[in-house]
Every structure is written in structure tokens, then in C-alpha cells.
C-alpha atoms as a PDB file:
ATOM      1  CA  MET A   1      -3.206 131.258 150.404  1.00  0.00           C
ATOM      2  CA  LYS A   2      -1.018 131.055 147.384  1.00  0.00           C
ATOM      3  CA  LEU A   3       1.233 133.436 145.441  1.00  0.00           C
ATOM      4  CA  GLY A   4       0.805 133.645 141.684  1.00  0.00           C
ATOM      5  CA  LEU A   5       1.424 135.735 138.613  1.00  0.00           C
ATOM      6  CA  LEU A   6      -0.584 137.114 135.721  1.00  0.00           C
ATOM      7  CA  THR A   7       1.710 136.074 132.952  1.00  0.00           C
ATOM      8  CA  ALA A   8       0.844 139.157 130.714  1.00  0.00           C
ATOM      9  CA  VAL A   9       4.093 140.771 131.987  1.00  0.00           C
ATOM     10  CA  PHE A  10       6.003 138.118 129.931  1.00  0.00           C
ATOM     11  CA  GLY A  11       3.860 138.725 126.797  1.00  0.00           C
ATOM     12  CA  GLN A  12       6.843 139.063 124.542  1.00  0.00           C
ATOM     13  CA  LEU A  13       7.728 135.440 125.341  1.00  0.00           C
ATOM     14  CA  ASN A  14       6.105 132.284 123.875  1.00  0.00           C
ATOM     15  CA  PHE A  15       4.867 129.547 126.146  1.00  0.00           C
ATOM     16  CA  ASP A  16       8.098 127.542 126.068  1.00  0.00           C
ATOM     17  CA  GLN A  17      10.166 130.574 126.868  1.00  0.00           C
ATOM     18  CA  LEU A  18       7.749 131.569 129.666  1.00  0.00           C
ATOM     19  CA  LEU A  19       8.146 128.304 131.477  1.00  0.00           C
ATOM     20  CA  GLU A  20      11.902 128.637 131.219  1.00  0.00           C
ATOM     21  CA  GLU A  21      11.811 132.284 132.517  1.00  0.00           C
ATOM     22  CA  LEU A  22       9.593 131.242 135.434  1.00  0.00           C
ATOM     23  CA  LYS A  23      12.479 129.050 136.848  1.00  0.00           C
ATOM     24  CA  LYS A  24      13.861 132.301 138.155  1.00  0.00           C
ATOM     25  CA  TYR A  25      10.718 132.642 140.361  1.00  0.00           C
ATOM     26  CA  PRO A  26      10.240 129.404 142.260  1.00  0.00           C
ATOM     27  CA  GLN A  27       8.081 131.059 144.928  1.00  0.00           C
ATOM     28  CA  LEU A  28       5.278 131.445 142.374  1.00  0.00           C
ATOM     29  CA  GLN A  29       2.734 128.787 142.874  1.00  0.00           C
ATOM     30  CA  THR A  30      -0.078 129.660 140.353  1.00  0.00           C
ATOM     31  CA  LEU A  31      -0.296 131.116 136.949  1.00  0.00           C
ATOM     32  CA  GLU A  32      -3.040 133.324 135.448  1.00  0.00           C
ATOM     33  CA  PHE A  33      -3.140 133.305 131.648  1.00  0.00           C
ATOM     34  CA  GLY A  34      -4.630 135.865 129.284  1.00  0.00           C
ATOM     35  CA  THR A  35      -6.800 134.516 126.469  1.00  0.00           C
ATOM     36  CA  GLY A  36      -7.553 137.706 124.546  1.00  0.00           C
ATOM     37  CA  ASN A  37      -9.278 141.127 124.519  1.00  0.00           C
ATOM     38  CA  PHE A  38      -7.192 143.679 126.568  1.00  0.00           C
ATOM     39  CA  THR A  39      -5.327 140.708 128.212  1.00  0.00           C
ATOM     40  CA  VAL A  40      -3.605 139.481 125.141  1.00  0.00           C
ATOM     41  CA  ASP A  41      -3.416 135.736 124.434  1.00  0.00           C
ATOM     42  CA  SER A  42       0.363 135.386 124.305  1.00  0.00           C
ATOM     43  CA  HIS A  43       0.750 131.872 125.875  1.00  0.00           C
ATOM     44  CA  VAL A  44      -2.530 129.928 125.520  1.00  0.00           C
ATOM     45  CA  GLY A  45      -3.785 129.794 121.900  1.00  0.00           C
ATOM     46  CA  LEU A  46      -7.506 129.928 122.886  1.00  0.00           C
ATOM     47  CA  ASP A  47      -8.993 128.614 119.694  1.00  0.00           C
ATOM     48  CA  ASP A  48      -6.319 126.005 119.215  1.00  0.00           C
ATOM     49  CA  LEU A  49      -6.951 124.559 122.693  1.00  0.00           C
ATOM     50  CA  LEU A  50     -10.635 124.611 122.238  1.00  0.00           C
ATOM     51  CA  ALA A  51     -10.422 122.746 119.031  1.00  0.00           C
ATOM     52  CA  SER A  52      -8.192 119.991 120.577  1.00  0.00           C
ATOM     53  CA  PRO A  53      -9.022 118.651 124.066  1.00  0.00           C
ATOM     54  CA  GLN A  54      -5.734 116.664 123.866  1.00  0.00           C
ATOM     55  CA  ARG A  55      -3.793 119.814 123.479  1.00  0.00           C
ATOM     56  CA  ALA A  56      -5.649 121.430 126.220  1.00  0.00           C
ATOM     57  CA  LYS A  57      -4.878 118.569 128.459  1.00  0.00           C
ATOM     58  CA  GLU A  58      -1.111 118.754 127.390  1.00  0.00           C
ATOM     59  CA  PHE A  59      -1.165 122.533 128.190  1.00  0.00           C
ATOM     60  CA  ARG A  60      -2.480 121.963 131.667  1.00  0.00           C
ATOM     61  CA  ARG A  61       0.096 119.094 132.136  1.00  0.00           C
ATOM     62  CA  ARG A  62       3.121 121.205 131.233  1.00  0.00           C
ATOM     63  CA  VAL A  63       1.946 123.949 133.842  1.00  0.00           C
ATOM     64  CA  GLU A  64       1.474 121.287 136.451  1.00  0.00           C
ATOM     65  CA  ASP A  65       4.877 119.783 135.663  1.00  0.00           C
ATOM     66  CA  THR A  66       6.299 123.007 136.926  1.00  0.00           C
ATOM     67  CA  GLY A  67       4.734 122.473 140.327  1.00  0.00           C
ATOM     68  CA  ARG A  68       2.054 125.108 139.653  1.00  0.00           C
ATOM     69  CA  ILE A  69      -1.704 125.323 138.979  1.00  0.00           C
ATOM     70  CA  ILE A  70      -3.734 127.717 136.845  1.00  0.00           C
ATOM     71  CA  SER A  71      -5.575 130.029 139.058  1.00  0.00           C
ATOM     72  CA  ALA A  72      -7.622 131.821 136.374  1.00  0.00           C
ATOM     73  CA  LEU A  73      -8.074 132.581 132.670  1.00  0.00           C
ATOM     74  CA  SER A  74      -8.386 136.381 132.038  1.00  0.00           C
ATOM     75  CA  CYS A  75      -9.987 137.858 129.049  1.00  0.00           C
ATOM     76  CA  HIS A  76     -10.530 141.418 130.271  1.00  0.00           C
ATOM     77  CA  GLY A  77     -12.853 143.269 127.709  1.00  0.00           C
ATOM     78  CA  ASN A  78     -15.965 145.081 127.078  1.00  0.00           C
ATOM     79  CA  SER A  79     -18.724 142.748 125.948  1.00  0.00           C
ATOM     80  CA  ILE A  80     -21.254 145.468 126.326  1.00  0.00           C
ATOM     81  CA  HIS A  81     -19.567 147.938 124.007  1.00  0.00           C
ATOM     82  CA  PRO A  82     -21.930 150.109 122.146  1.00  0.00           C
ATOM     83  CA  ASP A  83     -20.445 149.195 118.849  1.00  0.00           C
ATOM     84  CA  PRO A  84     -22.113 145.878 118.147  1.00  0.00           C
ATOM     85  CA  ALA A  85     -19.044 144.565 116.277  1.00  0.00           C
ATOM     86  CA  VAL A  86     -16.689 145.241 119.067  1.00  0.00           C
ATOM     87  CA  ALA A  87     -19.204 143.830 121.619  1.00  0.00           C
ATOM     88  CA  ALA A  88     -19.669 140.616 119.561  1.00  0.00           C
ATOM     89  CA  ARG A  89     -15.892 140.140 119.227  1.00  0.00           C
ATOM     90  CA  GLU A  90     -15.247 140.543 122.840  1.00  0.00           C
ATOM     91  CA  ASP A  91     -18.293 138.496 123.947  1.00  0.00           C
ATOM     92  CA  LYS A  92     -16.904 135.693 121.791  1.00  0.00           C
ATOM     93  CA  VAL A  93     -13.613 135.669 123.409  1.00  0.00           C
ATOM     94  CA  PHE A  94     -15.259 135.778 126.865  1.00  0.00           C
ATOM     95  CA  ARG A  95     -17.605 132.826 126.099  1.00  0.00           C
ATOM     96  CA  ASN A  96     -14.774 130.689 124.611  1.00  0.00           C
ATOM     97  CA  THR A  97     -12.685 131.426 127.591  1.00  0.00           C
ATOM     98  CA  ILE A  98     -15.529 130.056 129.745  1.00  0.00           C
ATOM     99  CA  ARG A  99     -15.447 126.938 127.662  1.00  0.00           C
ATOM    100  CA  LEU A 100     -11.777 126.526 127.791  1.00  0.00           C
ATOM    101  CA  ALA A 101     -11.716 127.095 131.673  1.00  0.00           C
ATOM    102  CA  GLN A 102     -14.183 124.254 131.886  1.00  0.00           C
ATOM    103  CA  LEU A 103     -12.072 122.036 129.753  1.00  0.00           C
ATOM    104  CA  LEU A 104      -8.944 122.876 131.779  1.00  0.00           C
ATOM    105  CA  GLU A 105     -10.728 122.553 134.987  1.00  0.00           C
ATOM    106  CA  VAL A 106      -9.923 126.173 135.959  1.00  0.00           C
ATOM    107  CA  PRO A 107     -12.588 127.657 138.217  1.00  0.00           C
ATOM    108  CA  VAL A 108     -12.420 131.268 137.632  1.00  0.00           C
ATOM    109  CA  VAL A 109     -12.474 133.635 134.493  1.00  0.00           C
ATOM    110  CA  ASN A 110     -11.530 137.167 135.071  1.00  0.00           C
ATOM    111  CA  THR A 111     -12.926 140.040 132.885  1.00  0.00           C
ATOM    112  CA  PHE A 112     -14.295 143.556 133.219  1.00  0.00           C
ATOM    113  CA  SER A 113     -18.011 144.478 133.458  1.00  0.00           C
ATOM    114  CA  GLY A 114     -17.642 146.722 130.480  1.00  0.00           C
ATOM    115  CA  CYS A 115     -19.410 149.958 129.721  1.00  0.00           C
ATOM    116  CA  PRO A 116     -21.990 150.790 127.059  1.00  0.00           C
ATOM    117  CA  GLY A 117     -22.838 154.191 125.649  1.00  0.00           C
ATOM    118  CA  ALA A 118     -25.128 156.713 127.177  1.00  0.00           C
ATOM    119  CA  GLY A 119     -27.924 155.808 124.815  1.00  0.00           C
ATOM    120  CA  PRO A 120     -28.955 153.332 122.089  1.00  0.00           C
ATOM    121  CA  ASP A 121     -27.343 155.380 119.318  1.00  0.00           C
ATOM    122  CA  ASP A 122     -23.948 155.806 121.004  1.00  0.00           C
ATOM    123  CA  LYS A 123     -20.799 154.183 119.382  1.00  0.00           C
ATOM    124  CA  ILE A 124     -18.409 155.134 122.236  1.00  0.00           C
ATOM    125  CA  PRO A 125     -18.494 153.863 125.817  1.00  0.00           C
ATOM    126  CA  ASN A 126     -19.589 156.557 128.351  1.00  0.00           C
ATOM    127  CA  TRP A 127     -18.461 156.102 131.966  1.00  0.00           C
ATOM    128  CA  ILE A 128     -20.880 158.233 134.081  1.00  0.00           C
ATOM    129  CA  THR A 129     -19.462 159.543 137.337  1.00  0.00           C
ATOM    130  CA  THR A 130     -21.966 162.144 138.409  1.00  0.00           C
ATOM    131  CA  PRO A 131     -25.638 162.492 138.856  1.00  0.00           C
ATOM    132  CA  TRP A 132     -26.094 165.999 137.733  1.00  0.00           C
ATOM    133  CA  PRO A 133     -26.957 167.468 135.203  1.00  0.00           C
ATOM    134  CA  PRO A 134     -30.021 165.118 135.266  1.00  0.00           C
ATOM    135  CA  GLU A 135     -29.255 163.705 131.795  1.00  0.00           C
ATOM    136  CA  TYR A 136     -26.477 161.778 133.358  1.00  0.00           C
ATOM    137  CA  SER A 137     -28.774 160.040 136.034  1.00  0.00           C
ATOM    138  CA  ASP A 138     -31.099 159.086 133.216  1.00  0.00           C
ATOM    139  CA  ALA A 139     -28.416 157.687 131.105  1.00  0.00           C
ATOM    140  CA  LEU A 140     -27.074 155.724 133.955  1.00  0.00           C
ATOM    141  CA  ASP A 141     -30.450 154.153 134.576  1.00  0.00           C
ATOM    142  CA  TRP A 142     -30.643 153.303 130.999  1.00  0.00           C
ATOM    143  CA  GLN A 143     -27.323 151.712 131.022  1.00  0.00           C
ATOM    144  CA  TRP A 144     -28.004 149.396 133.839  1.00  0.00           C
ATOM    145  CA  ASN A 145     -31.478 148.446 133.048  1.00  0.00           C
ATOM    146  CA  GLU A 146     -31.214 148.145 129.267  1.00  0.00           C
ATOM    147  CA  ARG A 147     -27.599 146.871 128.885  1.00  0.00           C
ATOM    148  CA  VAL A 148     -25.779 145.977 131.939  1.00  0.00           C
ATOM    149  CA  ILE A 149     -28.222 143.769 133.879  1.00  0.00           C
ATOM    150  CA  PRO A 150     -29.801 141.955 130.903  1.00  0.00           C
ATOM    151  CA  TYR A 151     -26.346 141.031 129.349  1.00  0.00           C
ATOM    152  CA  TRP A 152     -24.726 139.817 132.749  1.00  0.00           C
ATOM    153  CA  LYS A 153     -27.896 137.904 133.873  1.00  0.00           C
ATOM    154  CA  GLU A 154     -27.541 135.833 130.770  1.00  0.00           C
ATOM    155  CA  ALA A 155     -23.736 135.670 130.886  1.00  0.00           C
ATOM    156  CA  ALA A 156     -23.871 134.567 134.505  1.00  0.00           C
ATOM    157  CA  ALA A 157     -26.186 131.799 133.707  1.00  0.00           C
ATOM    158  CA  PHE A 158     -23.891 130.775 130.779  1.00  0.00           C
ATOM    159  CA  ALA A 159     -20.923 130.621 133.093  1.00  0.00           C
ATOM    160  CA  ALA A 160     -22.788 128.740 135.819  1.00  0.00           C
ATOM    161  CA  ASP A 161     -23.851 126.178 133.249  1.00  0.00           C
ATOM    162  CA  HIS A 162     -20.111 125.577 132.517  1.00  0.00           C
ATOM    163  CA  GLY A 163     -19.293 125.365 136.211  1.00  0.00           C
ATOM    164  CA  ILE A 164     -17.365 128.586 136.186  1.00  0.00           C
ATOM    165  CA  ARG A 165     -17.241 131.686 138.324  1.00  0.00           C
ATOM    166  CA  VAL A 166     -16.797 135.071 136.643  1.00  0.00           C
ATOM    167  CA  ALA A 167     -14.704 137.659 138.606  1.00  0.00           C
ATOM    168  CA  LEU A 168     -15.201 141.057 137.412  1.00  0.00           C
ATOM    169  CA  GLU A 169     -12.320 143.397 137.993  1.00  0.00           C
ATOM    170  CA  ALA A 170     -13.739 146.666 139.295  1.00  0.00           C
ATOM    171  CA  HIS A 171     -12.068 149.196 137.240  1.00  0.00           C
ATOM    172  CA  PRO A 172     -12.761 152.929 136.664  1.00  0.00           C
ATOM    173  CA  GLY A 173     -14.012 153.385 133.114  1.00  0.00           C
ATOM    174  CA  PHE A 174     -16.473 150.564 133.492  1.00  0.00           C
ATOM    175  CA  VAL A 175     -19.816 150.328 135.196  1.00  0.00           C
ATOM    176  CA  VAL A 176     -18.357 148.141 137.909  1.00  0.00           C
ATOM    177  CA  TYR A 177     -15.641 150.235 139.437  1.00  0.00           C
ATOM    178  CA  ASN A 178     -16.053 149.949 143.229  1.00  0.00           C
ATOM    179  CA  PRO A 179     -17.576 147.538 145.834  1.00  0.00           C
ATOM    180  CA  GLU A 180     -21.013 149.127 145.663  1.00  0.00           C
ATOM    181  CA  THR A 181     -21.371 148.629 141.759  1.00  0.00           C
ATOM    182  CA  ALA A 182     -19.921 145.148 141.957  1.00  0.00           C
ATOM    183  CA  LEU A 183     -22.500 144.101 144.652  1.00  0.00           C
ATOM    184  CA  ARG A 184     -25.193 145.834 142.673  1.00  0.00           C
ATOM    185  CA  LEU A 185     -24.411 143.709 139.587  1.00  0.00           C
ATOM    186  CA  ARG A 186     -23.962 140.447 141.646  1.00  0.00           C
ATOM    187  CA  GLU A 187     -27.347 141.031 143.239  1.00  0.00           C
ATOM    188  CA  ALA A 188     -28.974 141.403 139.767  1.00  0.00           C
ATOM    189  CA  ALA A 189     -27.114 138.709 138.016  1.00  0.00           C
ATOM    190  CA  GLY A 190     -26.589 135.950 140.530  1.00  0.00           C
ATOM    191  CA  LYS A 191     -23.892 134.410 142.616  1.00  0.00           C
ATOM    192  CA  SER A 192     -21.769 133.078 139.740  1.00  0.00           C
ATOM    193  CA  ILE A 193     -20.733 136.798 139.346  1.00  0.00           C
ATOM    194  CA  GLY A 194     -17.991 138.070 141.738  1.00  0.00           C
ATOM    195  CA  VAL A 195     -14.902 140.182 141.971  1.00  0.00           C
ATOM    196  CA  ASN A 196     -11.276 139.986 140.861  1.00  0.00           C
ATOM    197  CA  PHE A 197     -10.102 142.300 143.628  1.00  0.00           C
ATOM    198  CA  ASP A 198      -7.376 144.602 142.550  1.00  0.00           C
ATOM    199  CA  PRO A 199      -6.537 147.162 145.375  1.00  0.00           C
ATOM    200  CA  SER A 200      -4.645 149.455 142.956  1.00  0.00           C
ATOM    201  CA  HIS A 201      -7.944 150.575 141.441  1.00  0.00           C
ATOM    202  CA  PHE A 202      -9.478 151.239 144.707  1.00  0.00           C
ATOM    203  CA  TRP A 203      -6.661 153.131 146.608  1.00  0.00           C
ATOM    204  CA  TRP A 204      -6.457 156.101 144.190  1.00  0.00           C
ATOM    205  CA  GLN A 205     -10.245 156.383 144.533  1.00  0.00           C
ATOM    206  CA  GLY A 206      -9.901 156.866 148.250  1.00  0.00           C
ATOM    207  CA  ILE A 207     -11.363 153.411 149.180  1.00  0.00           C
ATOM    208  CA  ASP A 208      -9.924 151.735 152.262  1.00  0.00           C
ATOM    209  CA  ILE A 209      -8.903 148.243 151.130  1.00  0.00           C
ATOM    210  CA  PRO A 210      -9.770 146.241 154.330  1.00  0.00           C
ATOM    211  CA  THR A 211     -13.047 147.796 154.551  1.00  0.00           C
ATOM    212  CA  ALA A 212     -13.758 147.009 150.825  1.00  0.00           C
ATOM    213  CA  ILE A 213     -12.640 143.395 151.401  1.00  0.00           C
ATOM    214  CA  ALA A 214     -15.002 143.049 154.343  1.00  0.00           C
ATOM    215  CA  ASP A 215     -17.832 144.549 152.427  1.00  0.00           C
ATOM    216  CA  LEU A 216     -17.354 142.177 149.388  1.00  0.00           C
ATOM    217  CA  GLY A 217     -16.740 139.036 151.454  1.00  0.00           C
ATOM    218  CA  GLU A 218     -17.732 135.888 149.681  1.00  0.00           C
ATOM    219  CA  ALA A 219     -17.988 137.802 146.395  1.00  0.00           C
ATOM    220  CA  ILE A 220     -14.162 137.891 146.019  1.00  0.00           C
ATOM    221  CA  PHE A 221     -13.255 135.122 143.626  1.00  0.00           C
ATOM    222  CA  HIS A 222      -9.731 136.139 142.739  1.00  0.00           C
ATOM    223  CA  PHE A 223      -7.130 138.881 143.735  1.00  0.00           C
ATOM    224  CA  HIS A 224      -4.653 140.894 141.832  1.00  0.00           C
ATOM    225  CA  ALA A 225      -1.585 142.103 143.820  1.00  0.00           C
ATOM    226  CA  LYS A 226      -0.688 145.456 142.421  1.00  0.00           C
ATOM    227  CA  ASP A 227       0.142 148.654 144.173  1.00  0.00           C
ATOM    228  CA  VAL A 228      -0.249 152.342 143.300  1.00  0.00           C
ATOM    229  CA  PHE A 229       1.658 155.425 144.305  1.00  0.00           C
ATOM    230  CA  ILE A 230      -0.313 158.546 144.807  1.00  0.00           C
ATOM    231  CA  SER A 231       1.837 161.694 144.206  1.00  0.00           C
ATOM    232  CA  PRO A 232       1.227 164.202 147.113  1.00  0.00           C
ATOM    233  CA  ASN A 233       2.103 167.247 145.038  1.00  0.00           C
ATOM    234  CA  ASN A 234       0.210 166.261 141.851  1.00  0.00           C
ATOM    235  CA  ARG A 235      -2.866 165.177 143.907  1.00  0.00           C
ATOM    236  CA  ALA A 236      -2.816 168.449 145.809  1.00  0.00           C
ATOM    237  CA  LYS A 237      -2.800 170.403 142.651  1.00  0.00           C
ATOM    238  CA  ASN A 238      -5.173 168.371 140.377  1.00  0.00           C
ATOM    239  CA  GLY A 239      -6.988 165.651 142.490  1.00  0.00           C
ATOM    240  CA  VAL A 240      -6.984 162.103 141.643  1.00  0.00           C
ATOM    241  CA  LEU A 241      -8.967 162.035 138.325  1.00  0.00           C
ATOM    242  CA  ASP A 242      -6.217 161.999 135.820  1.00  0.00           C
ATOM    243  CA  THR A 243      -6.401 161.483 132.066  1.00  0.00           C
ATOM    244  CA  LYS A 244      -2.853 162.094 131.222  1.00  0.00           C
ATOM    245  CA  SER A 245      -0.954 159.126 129.726  1.00  0.00           C
ATOM    246  CA  TYR A 246       0.637 156.652 131.865  1.00  0.00           C
ATOM    247  CA  ARG A 247       3.881 157.680 130.010  1.00  0.00           C
ATOM    248  CA  HIS A 248       3.871 161.022 131.632  1.00  0.00           C
ATOM    249  CA  MET A 249       4.959 159.635 134.920  1.00  0.00           C
ATOM    250  CA  ALA A 250       6.261 162.622 136.668  1.00  0.00           C
ATOM    251  CA  GLN A 251       3.053 164.640 135.937  1.00  0.00           C
ATOM    252  CA  ARG A 252       0.313 162.106 136.915  1.00  0.00           C
ATOM    253  CA  SER A 253      -1.487 162.123 140.253  1.00  0.00           C
ATOM    254  CA  TRP A 254      -0.915 158.430 140.532  1.00  0.00           C
ATOM    255  CA  LEU A 255       1.053 155.672 139.084  1.00  0.00           C
ATOM    256  CA  PHE A 256       0.714 151.818 139.200  1.00  0.00           C
ATOM    257  CA  ARG A 257       3.679 150.415 141.143  1.00  0.00           C
ATOM    258  CA  SER A 258       4.945 147.116 142.188  1.00  0.00           C
ATOM    259  CA  VAL A 259       3.790 145.739 145.486  1.00  0.00           C
ATOM    260  CA  GLY A 260       5.551 147.667 148.293  1.00  0.00           C
ATOM    261  CA  TRP A 261       6.455 150.658 146.192  1.00  0.00           C
ATOM    262  CA  GLY A 262       3.191 152.507 146.869  1.00  0.00           C
ATOM    263  CA  HIS A 263       1.974 151.113 150.297  1.00  0.00           C
ATOM    264  CA  SER A 264       3.812 149.746 153.187  1.00  0.00           C
ATOM    265  CA  GLU A 265       4.344 146.152 154.269  1.00  0.00           C
ATOM    266  CA  ILE A 266       2.073 146.716 157.252  1.00  0.00           C
ATOM    267  CA  GLU A 267      -0.625 147.869 154.988  1.00  0.00           C
ATOM    268  CA  TRP A 268      -0.231 144.671 152.821  1.00  0.00           C
ATOM    269  CA  LYS A 269      -0.351 142.570 155.942  1.00  0.00           C
ATOM    270  CA  ALA A 270      -3.719 144.271 156.845  1.00  0.00           C
ATOM    271  CA  ILE A 271      -4.898 143.202 153.444  1.00  0.00           C
ATOM    272  CA  ALA A 272      -3.798 139.535 153.936  1.00  0.00           C
ATOM    273  CA  SER A 273      -5.566 139.604 157.317  1.00  0.00           C
ATOM    274  CA  ALA A 274      -8.675 141.154 155.927  1.00  0.00           C
ATOM    275  CA  LEU A 275      -8.744 138.432 153.213  1.00  0.00           C
ATOM    276  CA  ARG A 276      -8.459 135.787 155.837  1.00  0.00           C
ATOM    277  CA  LEU A 277     -11.283 137.321 157.940  1.00  0.00           C
ATOM    278  CA  ALA A 278     -13.420 137.416 154.798  1.00  0.00           C
ATOM    279  CA  GLY A 279     -12.969 133.733 154.156  1.00  0.00           C
ATOM    280  CA  TYR A 280     -10.796 134.265 150.968  1.00  0.00           C
ATOM    281  CA  ASP A 281      -7.993 131.627 150.810  1.00  0.00           C
ATOM    282  CA  TYR A 282      -7.086 131.284 147.090  1.00  0.00           C
ATOM    283  CA  VAL A 283      -4.429 133.301 145.333  1.00  0.00           C
ATOM    284  CA  LEU A 284      -2.599 136.731 145.344  1.00  0.00           C
ATOM    285  CA  SER A 285      -1.811 136.924 141.593  1.00  0.00           C
ATOM    286  CA  ILE A 286       0.814 139.576 140.917  1.00  0.00           C
ATOM    287  CA  GLU A 287       0.009 141.897 138.173  1.00  0.00           C
ATOM    288  CA  HIS A 288       3.213 143.752 137.281  1.00  0.00           C
ATOM    289  CA  GLU A 289       2.534 147.173 135.507  1.00  0.00           C
ATOM    290  CA  ASP A 290       5.420 149.254 137.003  1.00  0.00           C
ATOM    291  CA  ALA A 291       7.252 151.331 134.334  1.00  0.00           C
ATOM    292  CA  LEU A 292       9.811 152.604 136.855  1.00  0.00           C
ATOM    293  CA  ALA A 293      11.335 149.162 137.534  1.00  0.00           C
ATOM    294  CA  SER A 294      12.514 146.435 135.178  1.00  0.00           C
ATOM    295  CA  ILE A 295      10.420 143.412 134.991  1.00  0.00           C
ATOM    296  CA  HIS A 296      12.896 141.293 136.977  1.00  0.00           C
ATOM    297  CA  GLU A 297      13.387 143.886 139.764  1.00  0.00           C
ATOM    298  CA  GLY A 298       9.694 144.839 140.099  1.00  0.00           C
ATOM    299  CA  LEU A 299       8.642 141.270 140.093  1.00  0.00           C
ATOM    300  CA  SER A 300      11.323 140.138 142.481  1.00  0.00           C
ATOM    301  CA  SER A 301      10.457 143.035 144.766  1.00  0.00           C
ATOM    302  CA  ALA A 302       6.703 141.983 144.740  1.00  0.00           C
ATOM    303  CA  ILE A 303       7.506 138.417 145.464  1.00  0.00           C
ATOM    304  CA  ASN A 304       9.878 139.203 148.239  1.00  0.00           C
ATOM    305  CA  MET A 305       7.413 141.414 150.117  1.00  0.00           C
ATOM    306  CA  LEU A 306       4.315 139.199 149.550  1.00  0.00           C
ATOM    307  CA  SER A 307       6.318 136.161 150.610  1.00  0.00           C
ATOM    308  CA  ARG A 308       6.577 137.855 154.044  1.00  0.00           C
ATOM    309  CA  VAL A 309       2.877 138.906 153.926  1.00  0.00           C
ATOM    310  CA  LEU A 310       0.963 135.727 152.988  1.00  0.00           C
ATOM    311  CA  LEU A 311      -0.548 133.570 155.490  1.00  0.00           C
ATOM    312  CA  THR A 312      -0.048 130.137 154.052  1.00  0.00           C
ATOM    313  CA  GLU A 313      -0.782 127.759 157.016  1.00  0.00           C
ATOM    314  CA  PRO A 314      -4.208 127.084 158.517  1.00  0.00           C
ATOM    315  CA  GLN A 315      -5.402 129.402 161.156  1.00  0.00           C
ATOM    316  CA  VAL A 316      -5.851 128.217 164.669  1.00  0.00           C
ATOM    317  CA  GLU A 317      -8.520 128.205 167.326  1.00  0.00           C
ATOM    318  CA  PRO A 318      -8.054 130.955 169.956  1.00  0.00           C
ATOM    319  CA  TRP A 319      -6.673 128.496 172.639  1.00  0.00           C
ATOM    320  CA  TRP A 320      -6.475 131.293 175.173  1.00  0.00           C
ATOM    321  CA  THR A 321     -10.331 131.743 175.403  1.00  0.00           C
END
């Protein structure tokens, strides 16, 4: 397994500056680049590289010259947004990212499942989290049958035609937000659809991470290493559903944190072991979204812990049996 980084944390730097900054972090073996939508294209230049295979080849060569590979391209967006203009814009970025991934020989594209409205006349996404009153159940059925499954069946075929696997990041606010919904969509759309597993989105929902990894198994295509801290006091008062701004850190029930600042090293070792048992041996790509730490301190802390956690050598036969 390899240790990597989602480069969005250095979005204020251009590509040349990024490569220079990464000299501080020699432990990083892979890079995951944003190409647009929520994952802003700060370093790639999606349209430029697509227009010039030679520039695309040079981009990949410069990454490889640092001793690293590109683990994934990420274009997290909402291609089934109820506003047709938004959906078309984000779908275009998604499909162009698929095309660029094929050109760069990058096997995985990360995104979100998206979320439609609750009916054909809506303009705002509607994330449904309860079956009652009964209108919610009716709306949820409509979302899946009329928007989610038709879009992703076609999109999965498009990705497969280009030799790319699509890793949906299960995230509250979108129709795929836990293992059950991820597997439901994979069953409907096909095996080119899988998961970009981010434990930080599961922990605060009360999901046990090793159990979720075992459940998803071969559907895990990519992994984001990000932690979350759950405030005992705020959770005790208000539960875990929290719409307060991420800037109101002291008042929130939970916060995204650097790896190790929400859960212990032994818990992250359990994650590494569960991934190996599930047959996943690709990358742990650090996503740094910790406002309580500087970029350097937070990233360095995550690298140090994960360097102790990762199993990088091949496993052995149980010789004692």
C-alpha cells in the first residue's frame, strides 16, 4: 500500500510551486489531482491537457520525475443536480476527467454520486434522510428510479468504455452516503462503479470503519485518509446532525481533523488491517481539511502516523499452520 496526497490542500500554489513544496514530504508516493467542480483544478489544466496529448504526457512525466505516480483524478460534483445548467456543467467536467484519466493512464476518477431534487420541478438538491412522512419515501423512490440509476448506468458504461473505474465518495448530502447506498448503486450501474472510501464521513454517522470496509470489499477503488473529532459535549446536547458552519469549530458536534487527531493509532491500524483483509492494496491519499492545524503541521502529523500504520510489504503465508 502507498501513501499519497490529494493536492487540493495546496490549491494556492501553481503546478511548479506544488512540485517544489512536495520536496518537504518525501514519504508521499502518490498524488491525486483535482480537475474541477468542488475539487478545484489548481494544478492540472483539464481542458489544456485534453487539447494536447503532448502536454498531458509532459504533465505525467514531471510527476513521475519526482518519484511518484498519479493515483486518481478527482472532480467531485453533482452531475444529477436538479438545475439542468449546473448538471450539464458538472457532467462535462466529469466526462472530460474520464477522458484525461485515460490519456494519462490513471485508473481511477473520484467524484460524488450527486443528489437530485425531490421531484421533476425542483431546482435545489434534496437529501432525504427519513421515510416518514410518506412523501419522503415517494420522493426517494423517484430520485433513484428516475434520476440516480438512469444517469449512473450510462455514466458507468461511458467510464468502462474508456477503461476507467469511478470511485464515488460516500458523503452525507448526496444519495450515496454509506455502504448500503454505495452497494445499491453499484448493483444497479455495474462494477465500474465503486467507492472512494473516506472514514471521516462515516465515523460521525456512527458507522464502524472496519465493518464498512469488509462490507464494501472489492468495491473500494481508492481511499481518503482523513479523520474526524466528535465533541462529546456538543454531541450530547445536539446529536451528530449539524448544519452549523465549519468555521464555528467550538460549537459543532464534529470537526474534520488530521489523521490521528480524532482517532487513535490503534484504530488506524485496524483500518489498515481491514483494508488488507478486503484485498485493497492501492493508496491511502491524505485529504487535509483541519482548520485547527497549519497545513505543514497537520500534513506532517498525518504522514508520521500513517507511515507507522501502513503495511507496505507483501503479507506472508501462516507458516505456523
